[in-house]
Amino acid sequence: MANDTPRTDSGIEIKPLYTSSDLDNWDAETRLGAPGEAPYTRGVYPTMYRGKLWTMRQYAGFGSAATTNERFKFLLAAGQTGLSCAFDLPTQMGYDSDHPRAEGEVGKVGVAIDSIDDMRTLLGGLPLDQVTTSMTINSTAAILLLMYELVAEEQGVRADQISGTIQNDLLKEYIARGTYVYPPRPSMRVITDIFAYCAEHVPKWNTISISGYHIREAGSTAVQEIAFTLANAIAYVQAAIDAGLDVDDFAPRLSFFWNGHNHFFEEVAKFRASRRMWHKIMTERFAAKDPRSTMLRFHTQTGGSTLTAQQPLNNVVRVALQAMAAVMGGTQSLHTNGFDEALGLPTEEAARIALRTQQIIGYEAGVSDTPDPLAGSYLVENLTDEIERLAWEYIERIDEMGGAVTAIENGYQMDEIDQAAYEYTKSIDDDQRVIVGVNKFALDTEAEPNVFPIDPTLEKGQRERLAAFKANRNHEELAVRLADLSEAARGTQNLLYPMKEALRAKATLGEVSDTLRGVFGTYQP
């Protein structure tokens, strides 16, 4: 290697040896506390996994609602304990499957949901009062949540009985992912309307999953991942308070979504530091009184960008180590990637192995027997402190710019991530960083892998179902409901109430999105 000094992915230098002298003047009581007690460095619950393992929530969603429903049932039968749904790009961008911009993308990277009929099919036969459902959806999060609620009502399940999460994190879309529709400030309004609606009607639902995952996938460091995500979270909380909400009415339902990357000890330290920082933010900046408002609860997904198309079975090991770091760091739920996801959607075999990885960690490895088993490690405590220190520097810089929204409008976070991504890639190209099977231990020839098949008739079938749905509606009532939504968007009314009535009148996801586009416009960076 050109550089013999080991460093974490964030560039933190690792010393040859850590001893008790590295924790001189370090107060365990204030820095750690006990599990389930402030500042929650050691976890948000006193016994963590002794009483109940983390939720094993495998990500699924492809093709039609019917095929995704089949995969949900397969995973539940295999022992999964929560559902997690991926949506195709048209659904994420607020386009129906018959829109010209949807051509070639229907059902490709997730399930296509155009109408409440699709949602009925997606959720058919599932016990919505028992299973928790996470939906990875942002710009159209309110629409999907309301469709879910309407289907639950049809099944006789009250809104206060359903539980789950919508991602609903638009700021990270502008920073890292790109599936935004409206400009940042109208998007913030929709988000805070969701907070208020759920506080009154869907109290068990996590109203946002503030996501560092995609920031990391875009090339950020671990420090940037938590710093930019917590800065976004500060903006969401402030926007909700400015909209008249009491912090303790909505903050207990905020959740976070972290990436599980390759540097094992840095990842454990990152999770621990994020909890401590959130407690400080909520108590000191926002004066939250409810302890639940100050607990950072999070879901983890192993790092998609770390998977390699070369020697894909190596990814089984990568995923296992990343998942172990998430468990050691105290995650509340976990998705483990399929080993073949650098090539396509996970096959059933890959999905089963990914789930079994979690089950082996949970039931065989002994790591769930005691909370925060790495607490007091000279290395881990130093990394936790250093990651926190560096992350605060970023947050202070963003505060000086006027907050996350202004920093996004100035392109600050994107520039920082671009530089980090360039340096990471260059370190691989220069052989300073080893990626097994890629720039070291490569094979001259590899067997042709099995890849998940894409149904070539899928898009045609989805469009035919949508046409039938649109033909069977009261068009006069629909026009009135969409006009009500447009009027609400021009005013200050909570948008979810007229939106729900439009969906009840059989508005499609694209029609609701187009109505809001007509008022808010679209974002051009």
Protein backbone atom coordinates (compact mmCIF):
# COMPACT_ATOMS: atom_id res chain seq x y z
CA MET A 1 0.00 0.00 0.00
CA ALA A 2 1.17 3.51 -0.83
CA ASN A 3 0.08 4.80 2.56
CA ASP A 4 0.82 2.56 5.56
CA THR A 5 -1.09 4.66 8.12
CA PRO A 6 -4.49 3.02 8.67
CA ARG A 7 -7.41 5.43 8.55
CA THR A 8 -11.15 5.04 8.79
CA ASP A 9 -13.41 5.92 5.86
CA SER A 10 -13.70 9.41 7.39
CA GLY A 11 -9.92 9.82 7.40
CA ILE A 12 -9.54 9.35 11.16
CA GLU A 13 -6.07 7.97 11.84
CA ILE A 14 -5.97 4.68 13.76
CA LYS A 15 -3.09 4.45 16.25
CA PRO A 16 -1.05 1.25 16.55
CA LEU A 17 -2.33 0.71 20.09
CA TYR A 18 -4.99 2.14 22.40
CA THR A 19 -4.60 1.96 26.17
CA SER A 20 -6.24 3.35 29.29
CA SER A 21 -4.22 6.54 28.82
CA ASP A 22 -6.37 7.29 25.78
CA LEU A 23 -9.33 7.71 28.11
CA ASP A 24 -7.66 10.02 30.65
CA ASN A 25 -10.12 12.60 32.00
CA TRP A 26 -12.92 10.71 30.27
CA ASP A 27 -16.08 10.50 32.40
CA ALA A 28 -18.03 7.35 31.62
CA GLU A 29 -21.13 8.55 33.48
CA THR A 30 -21.60 11.69 31.38
CA ARG A 31 -20.31 10.29 28.08
CA LEU A 32 -22.14 6.97 28.27
CA GLY A 33 -24.75 6.69 30.97
CA ALA A 34 -26.62 3.40 31.22
CA PRO A 35 -28.50 1.74 28.36
CA GLY A 36 -31.95 3.29 28.10
CA GLU A 37 -30.83 6.45 29.90
CA ALA A 38 -29.58 9.83 28.71
CA PRO A 39 -27.52 10.53 26.68
CA TYR A 40 -28.39 7.12 25.14
CA THR A 41 -24.87 6.44 23.86
CA ARG A 42 -25.34 2.82 24.94
CA GLY A 43 -28.79 2.37 23.41
CA VAL A 44 -32.34 3.64 23.73
CA TYR A 45 -33.69 0.68 25.75
CA PRO A 46 -32.37 -0.70 29.05
CA THR A 47 -32.12 -4.35 27.99
CA MET A 48 -31.87 -3.80 24.21
CA TYR A 49 -32.09 -7.22 22.52
CA ARG A 50 -32.43 -9.45 25.60
CA GLY A 51 -36.16 -8.86 25.62
CA LYS A 52 -36.73 -8.59 21.85
CA LEU A 53 -34.43 -8.71 18.85
CA TRP A 54 -34.31 -5.88 16.37
CA THR A 55 -36.98 -5.92 13.65
CA MET A 56 -35.72 -7.95 10.69
CA ARG A 57 -37.12 -5.85 7.88
CA GLN A 58 -36.01 -7.05 4.44
CA TYR A 59 -36.47 -4.55 1.61
CA ALA A 60 -38.75 -5.85 -1.16
CA GLY A 61 -40.62 -4.36 -4.07
CA PHE A 62 -40.50 -5.09 -7.76
CA GLY A 63 -42.80 -5.31 -10.74
CA SER A 64 -46.47 -5.37 -9.95
CA ALA A 65 -48.29 -5.15 -6.65
CA ALA A 66 -49.25 -8.82 -6.98
CA THR A 67 -45.66 -10.09 -7.36
CA THR A 68 -44.47 -7.89 -4.49
CA ASN A 69 -47.27 -9.20 -2.29
CA GLU A 70 -46.01 -12.73 -3.03
CA ARG A 71 -42.46 -11.73 -1.98
CA PHE A 72 -43.82 -10.17 1.23
CA LYS A 73 -45.54 -13.43 2.12
CA PHE A 74 -42.41 -15.44 1.25
CA LEU A 75 -40.31 -13.30 3.59
CA LEU A 76 -42.85 -13.41 6.42
CA ALA A 77 -42.98 -17.20 6.11
CA ALA A 78 -39.15 -17.26 6.30
CA GLY A 79 -39.23 -15.44 9.64
CA GLN A 80 -39.07 -11.76 8.70
CA THR A 81 -40.68 -9.57 11.38
CA GLY A 82 -41.49 -6.39 9.43
CA LEU A 83 -42.25 -5.35 5.86
CA SER A 84 -40.22 -2.85 3.84
CA CYS A 85 -41.42 -1.71 0.44
CA ALA A 86 -39.47 -0.27 -2.49
CA PHE A 87 -41.33 1.72 -5.16
CA ASP A 88 -40.43 2.17 -8.80
CA LEU A 89 -39.08 5.48 -10.08
CA PRO A 90 -42.35 6.74 -11.63
CA THR A 91 -44.13 6.20 -8.29
CA GLN A 92 -41.31 8.00 -6.46
CA MET A 93 -41.45 10.92 -8.92
CA GLY A 94 -45.25 11.29 -8.90
CA TYR A 95 -45.96 9.87 -12.37
CA ASP A 96 -48.56 7.27 -13.23
CA SER A 97 -47.39 4.26 -15.24
CA ASP A 98 -49.08 5.62 -18.38
CA HIS A 99 -47.09 8.87 -18.32
CA PRO A 100 -44.53 9.26 -21.16
CA ARG A 101 -41.73 9.80 -18.62
CA ALA A 102 -42.55 6.43 -17.00
CA GLU A 103 -41.82 4.48 -20.16
CA GLY A 104 -39.17 1.82 -19.60
CA GLU A 105 -39.11 2.35 -15.82
CA VAL A 106 -42.39 0.79 -14.68
CA GLY A 107 -41.71 -1.81 -11.97
CA LYS A 108 -37.95 -1.82 -12.58
CA VAL A 109 -36.46 -0.77 -9.22
CA GLY A 110 -39.55 -1.25 -7.08
CA VAL A 111 -43.28 -1.82 -7.23
CA ALA A 112 -45.54 0.39 -9.37
CA ILE A 113 -48.37 1.94 -7.34
CA ASP A 114 -50.70 4.14 -9.38
CA SER A 115 -54.00 3.74 -7.55
CA ILE A 116 -55.73 2.56 -4.43
CA ASP A 117 -56.47 -0.66 -6.35
CA ASP A 118 -52.73 -1.30 -6.56
CA MET A 119 -52.40 -0.67 -2.83
CA ARG A 120 -55.21 -3.15 -2.13
CA THR A 121 -53.35 -5.78 -4.12
CA LEU A 122 -50.02 -4.97 -2.46
CA LEU A 123 -51.48 -5.42 1.03
CA GLY A 124 -53.89 -8.26 0.29
CA GLY A 125 -53.97 -10.94 2.98
CA LEU A 126 -51.57 -9.09 5.28
CA PRO A 127 -52.53 -8.44 8.94
CA LEU A 128 -52.18 -4.66 8.95
CA ASP A 129 -52.97 -4.42 12.67
CA GLN A 130 -50.05 -6.74 13.44
CA VAL A 131 -47.29 -6.15 10.88
CA THR A 132 -45.27 -2.95 10.70
CA THR A 133 -44.57 -1.60 7.22
CA SER A 134 -41.76 0.68 6.13
CA MET A 135 -42.24 2.50 2.83
CA THR A 136 -39.19 3.98 1.14
CA ILE A 137 -40.98 6.93 -0.41
CA ASN A 138 -40.34 10.66 -0.21
CA SER A 139 -41.98 13.16 -2.57
CA THR A 140 -45.18 11.10 -2.73
CA ALA A 141 -45.01 9.86 0.87
CA ALA A 142 -48.29 11.51 1.90
CA ILE A 143 -50.14 9.85 -0.98
CA LEU A 144 -48.83 6.35 -0.21
CA LEU A 145 -49.52 6.75 3.52
CA LEU A 146 -53.12 7.79 2.85
CA MET A 147 -53.65 4.92 0.42
CA TYR A 148 -52.33 2.56 3.12
CA GLU A 149 -54.70 4.08 5.66
CA LEU A 150 -57.69 3.80 3.29
CA VAL A 151 -56.96 0.12 2.58
CA ALA A 152 -56.60 -0.55 6.31
CA GLU A 153 -60.01 1.08 6.89
CA GLU A 154 -61.51 -1.23 4.25
CA GLN A 155 -60.05 -4.21 6.13
CA GLY A 156 -61.62 -3.00 9.37
CA VAL A 157 -58.31 -1.79 10.86
CA ARG A 158 -58.47 1.67 12.44
CA ALA A 159 -55.85 4.30 11.65
CA ASP A 160 -54.67 4.24 15.27
CA GLN A 161 -53.93 0.51 14.93
CA ILE A 162 -51.58 0.65 11.95
CA SER A 163 -47.86 1.17 12.43
CA GLY A 164 -44.87 1.65 10.22
CA THR A 165 -42.65 4.30 8.69
CA ILE A 166 -42.59 6.52 5.64
CA GLN A 167 -39.18 7.81 4.66
CA ASN A 168 -40.55 11.28 3.83
CA ASP A 169 -37.07 12.85 3.87
CA LEU A 170 -36.90 15.36 1.01
CA LEU A 171 -33.81 17.28 2.06
CA LYS A 172 -31.56 14.28 1.47
CA GLU A 173 -33.15 13.91 -1.97
CA TYR A 174 -31.79 17.32 -2.95
CA ILE A 175 -28.42 16.41 -1.42
CA ALA A 176 -27.86 12.88 -2.61
CA ARG A 177 -30.59 10.97 -4.39
CA GLY A 178 -32.63 13.12 -6.75
CA THR A 179 -36.22 11.84 -6.51
CA TYR A 180 -37.59 15.26 -5.58
CA VAL A 181 -40.61 16.88 -7.26
CA TYR A 182 -41.36 20.24 -5.64
CA PRO A 183 -38.91 22.93 -4.46
CA PRO A 184 -37.49 22.54 -0.94
CA ARG A 185 -39.79 24.96 0.89
CA PRO A 186 -43.14 23.55 -0.37
CA SER A 187 -41.72 20.09 0.34
CA MET A 188 -41.07 21.13 3.93
CA ARG A 189 -44.71 22.19 4.19
CA VAL A 190 -45.93 18.76 3.05
CA ILE A 191 -43.63 17.10 5.57
CA THR A 192 -44.88 19.15 8.51
CA ASP A 193 -48.48 18.58 7.38
CA ILE A 194 -47.76 14.84 7.62
CA PHE A 195 -46.37 15.34 11.15
CA ALA A 196 -49.55 17.11 12.23
CA TYR A 197 -51.93 14.68 10.50
CA CYS A 198 -50.29 11.59 11.97
CA ALA A 199 -50.08 13.07 15.47
CA GLU A 200 -53.88 13.35 15.36
CA HIS A 201 -54.92 10.32 13.30
CA VAL A 202 -52.10 7.75 12.93
CA PRO A 203 -50.25 7.99 16.25
CA LYS A 204 -48.23 4.75 15.89
CA TRP A 205 -46.75 5.75 12.54
CA ASN A 206 -43.17 7.01 12.27
CA THR A 207 -43.73 10.15 10.23
CA ILE A 208 -40.22 10.45 8.82
CA SER A 209 -37.12 8.33 8.50
CA ILE A 210 -34.40 10.95 8.34
CA SER A 211 -31.95 9.25 6.09
CA GLY A 212 -28.19 9.23 6.06
CA TYR A 213 -28.22 6.04 4.03
CA HIS A 214 -28.43 7.70 0.63
CA ILE A 215 -25.98 10.40 1.63
CA ARG A 216 -23.46 7.62 2.32
CA GLU A 217 -24.38 5.80 -0.89
CA ALA A 218 -23.62 9.02 -2.79
CA GLY A 219 -20.06 8.86 -1.47
CA SER A 220 -20.02 10.68 1.86
CA THR A 221 -17.86 9.71 4.81
CA ALA A 222 -19.34 8.34 8.03
CA VAL A 223 -18.87 11.75 9.67
CA GLN A 224 -20.65 13.54 6.80
CA GLU A 225 -23.44 10.96 6.90
CA ILE A 226 -24.46 11.74 10.47
CA ALA A 227 -23.60 15.46 10.32
CA PHE A 228 -25.67 16.22 7.20
CA THR A 229 -28.51 13.99 8.37
CA LEU A 230 -28.73 15.57 11.81
CA ALA A 231 -28.58 19.03 10.20
CA ASN A 232 -31.56 18.00 8.06
CA ALA A 233 -33.33 16.75 11.17
CA ILE A 234 -32.78 20.11 12.87
CA ALA A 235 -34.43 21.79 9.87
CA TYR A 236 -37.45 19.46 10.04
CA VAL A 237 -37.95 20.01 13.75
CA GLN A 238 -37.63 23.78 13.40
CA ALA A 239 -40.08 23.83 10.47
CA ALA A 240 -42.63 21.86 12.49
CA ILE A 241 -42.26 24.21 15.47
CA ASP A 242 -42.59 27.21 13.15
CA ALA A 243 -45.81 25.64 11.82
CA GLY A 244 -47.23 25.70 15.35
CA LEU A 245 -46.56 22.14 16.51
CA ASP A 246 -45.28 21.38 19.99
CA VAL A 247 -41.98 19.52 19.80
CA ASP A 248 -43.14 16.72 22.10
CA ASP A 249 -46.26 16.14 19.99
CA PHE A 250 -44.28 14.96 16.95
CA ALA A 251 -40.65 14.31 17.92
CA PRO A 252 -41.27 10.87 19.52
CA ARG A 253 -42.28 9.58 16.06
CA LEU A 254 -39.15 10.78 14.28
CA SER A 255 -36.80 8.00 13.24
CA PHE A 256 -33.49 7.73 11.41
CA PHE A 257 -31.99 5.52 8.72
CA TRP A 258 -28.27 4.78 8.69
CA ASN A 259 -25.93 3.00 6.31
CA GLY A 260 -23.89 0.00 7.42
CA HIS A 261 -20.50 0.38 5.73
CA ASN A 262 -17.27 -1.59 5.75
CA HIS A 263 -15.11 -0.11 8.53
CA PHE A 264 -16.50 -2.14 11.43
CA PHE A 265 -15.36 -0.06 14.40
CA GLU A 266 -16.07 3.31 12.78
CA GLU A 267 -19.60 2.17 12.01
CA VAL A 268 -20.23 1.05 15.61
CA ALA A 269 -18.87 4.38 16.84
CA LYS A 270 -20.97 6.31 14.31
CA PHE A 271 -24.22 4.77 15.57
CA ARG A 272 -23.31 5.50 19.19
CA ALA A 273 -22.24 9.09 18.46
CA SER A 274 -25.46 9.83 16.55
CA ARG A 275 -27.58 8.93 19.58
CA ARG A 276 -25.56 11.15 21.90
CA MET A 277 -25.70 14.06 19.47
CA TRP A 278 -29.47 13.80 18.94
CA HIS A 279 -30.07 13.82 22.69
CA LYS A 280 -28.02 17.02 22.97
CA ILE A 281 -29.82 18.64 20.01
CA MET A 282 -33.30 17.87 21.31
CA THR A 283 -32.67 18.84 24.93
CA GLU A 284 -30.46 21.90 24.47
CA ARG A 285 -31.66 23.34 21.14
CA PHE A 286 -35.34 22.43 21.20
CA ALA A 287 -36.01 22.02 24.96
CA ALA A 288 -37.86 18.71 24.49
CA LYS A 289 -39.33 17.44 27.75
CA ASP A 290 -40.54 13.99 26.72
CA PRO A 291 -37.59 11.53 26.91
CA ARG A 292 -38.90 9.79 23.78
CA SER A 293 -38.31 13.02 21.85
CA THR A 294 -34.60 12.79 22.64
CA MET A 295 -34.05 9.13 21.73
CA LEU A 296 -32.58 8.51 18.29
CA ARG A 297 -34.22 5.32 17.03
CA PHE A 298 -32.86 4.05 13.74
CA HIS A 299 -33.08 1.48 10.98
CA THR A 300 -29.92 0.26 9.28
CA GLN A 301 -29.38 -1.11 5.79
CA THR A 302 -26.10 -2.67 4.81
CA GLY A 303 -24.18 -0.68 2.21
CA GLY A 304 -25.40 -1.20 -1.33
CA SER A 305 -22.46 0.73 -2.75
CA THR A 306 -20.03 -1.68 -1.07
CA LEU A 307 -21.35 -4.69 -2.99
CA THR A 308 -19.28 -5.88 -5.91
CA ALA A 309 -20.38 -7.49 -9.17
CA GLN A 310 -17.05 -9.33 -9.15
CA GLN A 311 -17.11 -12.50 -7.02
CA PRO A 312 -20.59 -11.65 -5.71
CA LEU A 313 -20.52 -14.35 -3.02
CA ASN A 314 -17.90 -12.23 -1.24
CA ASN A 315 -20.80 -9.87 -0.52
CA VAL A 316 -22.25 -12.40 1.92
CA VAL A 317 -19.27 -11.72 4.19
CA ARG A 318 -19.43 -7.96 3.70
CA VAL A 319 -23.13 -7.92 4.57
CA ALA A 320 -22.58 -10.08 7.67
CA LEU A 321 -19.88 -7.75 9.02
CA GLN A 322 -21.93 -4.63 8.30
CA ALA A 323 -24.98 -6.18 9.96
CA MET A 324 -22.91 -7.16 13.00
CA ALA A 325 -21.71 -3.55 13.32
CA ALA A 326 -25.31 -2.32 13.22
CA VAL A 327 -26.29 -4.75 15.99
CA MET A 328 -23.25 -3.84 18.08
CA GLY A 329 -24.24 -0.19 17.54
CA GLY A 330 -27.81 -0.75 18.78
CA THR A 331 -30.04 -0.61 15.69
CA GLN A 332 -33.83 -0.94 16.09
CA SER A 333 -34.36 -2.63 12.73
CA LEU A 334 -32.14 -3.99 10.01
CA HIS A 335 -32.12 -4.83 6.32
CA THR A 336 -29.37 -7.03 4.96
CA ASN A 337 -28.67 -6.79 1.23
CA GLY A 338 -28.74 -9.77 -1.09
CA PHE A 339 -25.30 -10.83 -2.31
CA ASP A 340 -26.41 -10.41 -5.94
CA GLU A 341 -27.73 -6.83 -5.71
CA ALA A 342 -24.77 -5.37 -7.62
CA LEU A 343 -26.18 -7.34 -10.56
CA GLY A 344 -29.94 -6.89 -10.19
CA LEU A 345 -32.89 -7.39 -7.85
CA PRO A 346 -32.24 -10.11 -5.24
CA THR A 347 -33.28 -13.63 -6.15
CA GLU A 348 -35.23 -15.66 -3.58
CA GLU A 349 -32.03 -17.52 -2.67
CA ALA A 350 -30.15 -14.26 -2.05
CA ALA A 351 -33.04 -12.80 -0.04
CA ARG A 352 -33.21 -15.93 2.12
CA ILE A 353 -29.44 -15.89 2.80
CA ALA A 354 -29.64 -12.20 3.71
CA LEU A 355 -32.42 -12.88 6.21
CA ARG A 356 -30.62 -15.95 7.60
CA THR A 357 -27.57 -13.72 8.17
CA GLN A 358 -29.60 -11.60 10.59
CA GLN A 359 -31.09 -14.66 12.25
CA ILE A 360 -27.67 -16.26 12.81
CA ILE A 361 -26.37 -13.01 14.32
CA GLY A 362 -29.45 -12.74 16.53
CA TYR A 363 -29.79 -16.34 17.68
CA GLU A 364 -26.30 -17.88 17.47
CA ALA A 365 -23.60 -15.24 17.93
CA GLY A 366 -24.30 -14.14 21.52
CA VAL A 367 -24.05 -10.46 20.63
CA SER A 368 -27.65 -9.83 21.69
CA ASP A 369 -27.08 -11.00 25.26
CA THR A 370 -25.98 -7.63 26.66
CA PRO A 371 -26.46 -4.02 25.54
CA ASP A 372 -23.59 -2.14 23.88
CA PRO A 373 -21.00 -4.89 24.36
CA LEU A 374 -18.12 -2.71 23.05
CA ALA A 375 -18.68 0.05 25.63
CA GLY A 376 -15.43 1.01 27.34
CA SER A 377 -13.25 -0.15 24.46
CA TYR A 378 -10.36 2.28 24.22
CA LEU A 379 -10.63 2.30 20.42
CA VAL A 380 -14.42 2.50 20.17
CA GLU A 381 -14.80 5.25 22.75
CA ASN A 382 -12.08 7.31 21.05
CA LEU A 383 -13.71 6.86 17.66
CA THR A 384 -17.12 7.75 19.09
CA ASP A 385 -15.77 10.99 20.56
CA GLU A 386 -13.82 11.91 17.41
CA ILE A 387 -16.72 11.25 15.06
CA GLU A 388 -18.95 13.38 17.26
CA ARG A 389 -16.40 16.21 17.35
CA LEU A 390 -16.00 16.26 13.56
CA ALA A 391 -19.75 16.03 12.97
CA TRP A 392 -20.41 19.02 15.24
CA GLU A 393 -17.96 21.05 13.14
CA TYR A 394 -20.08 20.37 10.04
CA ILE A 395 -23.33 21.21 11.84
CA GLU A 396 -21.89 24.49 13.12
CA ARG A 397 -20.81 25.37 9.57
CA ILE A 398 -24.31 24.65 8.24
CA ASP A 399 -25.85 26.71 11.06
CA GLU A 400 -23.65 29.63 10.06
CA MET A 401 -24.99 29.38 6.50
CA GLY A 402 -28.57 29.65 7.77
CA GLY A 403 -29.45 25.99 8.14
CA ALA A 404 -29.73 22.88 5.99
CA VAL A 405 -32.20 24.26 3.43
CA THR A 406 -30.07 27.30 2.63
CA ALA A 407 -26.93 25.15 2.53
CA ILE A 408 -28.64 22.82 0.07
CA GLU A 409 -29.70 25.74 -2.11
CA ASN A 410 -26.03 26.81 -2.11
CA GLY A 411 -24.86 23.29 -3.03
CA TYR A 412 -22.67 22.95 0.07
CA GLN A 413 -23.43 19.37 1.10
CA MET A 414 -23.32 18.12 -2.49
CA ASP A 415 -19.86 19.63 -3.02
CA GLU A 416 -18.53 18.05 0.19
CA ILE A 417 -19.91 14.62 -0.77
CA ASP A 418 -18.52 14.89 -4.31
CA GLN A 419 -15.05 15.54 -2.92
CA ALA A 420 -15.29 12.62 -0.47
CA ALA A 421 -16.53 10.29 -3.22
CA TYR A 422 -13.66 11.32 -5.49
CA GLU A 423 -11.09 10.67 -2.78
CA TYR A 424 -12.60 7.26 -1.93
CA THR A 425 -12.61 6.15 -5.58
CA LYS A 426 -9.08 7.45 -6.13
CA SER A 427 -7.85 5.47 -3.12
CA ILE A 428 -9.14 2.30 -4.79
CA ASP A 429 -7.65 3.23 -8.16
CA ASP A 430 -4.29 3.95 -6.51
CA ASP A 431 -4.41 0.63 -4.57
CA GLN A 432 -4.33 2.50 -1.25
CA ARG A 433 -7.65 0.81 -0.38
CA VAL A 434 -8.13 -2.90 -1.01
CA ILE A 435 -11.47 -4.14 -2.35
CA VAL A 436 -11.21 -7.93 -2.34
CA GLY A 437 -11.97 -9.42 -5.73
CA VAL A 438 -11.71 -6.05 -7.47
CA ASN A 439 -8.23 -4.54 -7.13
CA LYS A 440 -6.76 -7.50 -5.24
CA PHE A 441 -7.42 -11.25 -5.34
CA ALA A 442 -9.30 -10.89 -8.61
CA LEU A 443 -10.16 -13.88 -10.83
CA ASP A 444 -9.39 -14.14 -14.52
CA THR A 445 -12.77 -15.73 -15.25
CA GLU A 446 -15.98 -15.96 -13.25
CA ALA A 447 -19.07 -18.12 -13.59
CA GLU A 448 -22.15 -16.47 -15.06
CA PRO A 449 -24.37 -15.49 -12.09
CA ASN A 450 -28.09 -16.09 -11.79
CA VAL A 451 -29.86 -12.75 -12.16
CA PHE A 452 -33.43 -11.95 -11.16
CA PRO A 453 -35.58 -12.00 -14.32
CA ILE A 454 -37.61 -8.94 -15.36
CA ASP A 455 -41.04 -9.67 -16.85
CA PRO A 456 -41.13 -7.96 -20.28
CA THR A 457 -44.96 -7.78 -20.20
CA LEU A 458 -45.07 -6.03 -16.82
CA GLU A 459 -45.39 -2.44 -18.05
CA LYS A 460 -48.14 -3.28 -20.53
CA GLY A 461 -50.16 -5.07 -17.84
CA GLN A 462 -49.75 -2.22 -15.37
CA ARG A 463 -50.95 0.33 -17.92
CA GLU A 464 -53.97 -1.81 -18.79
CA ARG A 465 -54.96 -2.07 -15.11
CA LEU A 466 -54.57 1.69 -14.75
CA ALA A 467 -56.75 2.36 -17.80
CA ALA A 468 -59.50 0.13 -16.38
CA PHE A 469 -59.27 1.93 -13.03
CA LYS A 470 -59.53 5.37 -14.63
CA ALA A 471 -62.54 4.32 -16.71
CA ASN A 472 -64.51 3.30 -13.62
CA ARG A 473 -64.74 6.61 -11.73
CA ASN A 474 -67.14 9.45 -11.04
CA HIS A 475 -65.21 12.08 -12.99
CA GLU A 476 -67.30 15.02 -11.75
CA GLU A 477 -66.66 14.15 -8.11
CA LEU A 478 -62.98 13.57 -8.85
CA ALA A 479 -62.64 17.01 -10.46
CA VAL A 480 -64.21 18.65 -7.39
CA ARG A 481 -61.86 16.82 -5.00
CA LEU A 482 -58.75 17.70 -7.00
CA ALA A 483 -59.90 21.34 -7.15
CA ASP A 484 -60.26 21.28 -3.33
CA LEU A 485 -56.69 20.02 -3.07
CA SER A 486 -55.43 22.75 -5.40
CA GLU A 487 -57.19 25.42 -3.34
CA ALA A 488 -55.72 24.02 -0.11
CA ALA A 489 -52.24 24.09 -1.63
CA ARG A 490 -52.68 27.79 -2.44
CA GLY A 491 -53.67 28.46 1.18
CA THR A 492 -52.45 27.16 4.52
CA GLN A 493 -54.78 24.19 5.16
CA ASN A 494 -53.23 20.82 6.02
CA LEU A 495 -52.96 19.12 2.62
CA LEU A 496 -53.56 15.56 3.79
CA TYR A 497 -57.28 16.04 4.42
CA PRO A 498 -58.27 17.11 0.87
CA MET A 499 -55.67 14.69 -0.50
CA LYS A 500 -57.36 11.79 1.29
CA GLU A 501 -60.75 12.75 -0.13
CA ALA A 502 -59.28 12.94 -3.64
CA LEU A 503 -57.84 9.44 -3.24
CA ARG A 504 -61.16 8.21 -1.88
CA ALA A 505 -62.70 9.57 -5.10
CA LYS A 506 -60.20 7.40 -7.04
CA ALA A 507 -57.60 10.00 -7.90
CA THR A 508 -54.35 8.41 -9.00
CA LEU A 509 -50.95 9.11 -7.53
CA GLY A 510 -50.00 11.01 -10.68
CA GLU A 511 -53.15 13.16 -10.63
CA VAL A 512 -52.60 14.19 -7.02
CA SER A 513 -48.94 14.97 -7.76
CA ASP A 514 -49.84 16.96 -10.88
CA THR A 515 -52.32 19.01 -8.85
CA LEU A 516 -49.56 20.00 -6.43
CA ARG A 517 -47.11 20.59 -9.29
CA GLY A 518 -49.61 23.09 -10.68
CA VAL A 519 -49.35 25.12 -7.48
CA PHE A 520 -45.80 24.49 -6.20
CA GLY A 521 -43.95 24.00 -9.48
CA THR A 522 -40.99 21.63 -9.78
CA TYR A 523 -37.45 21.96 -8.48
CA GLN A 524 -34.62 22.67 -10.89
CA PRO A 525 -31.26 22.61 -9.08
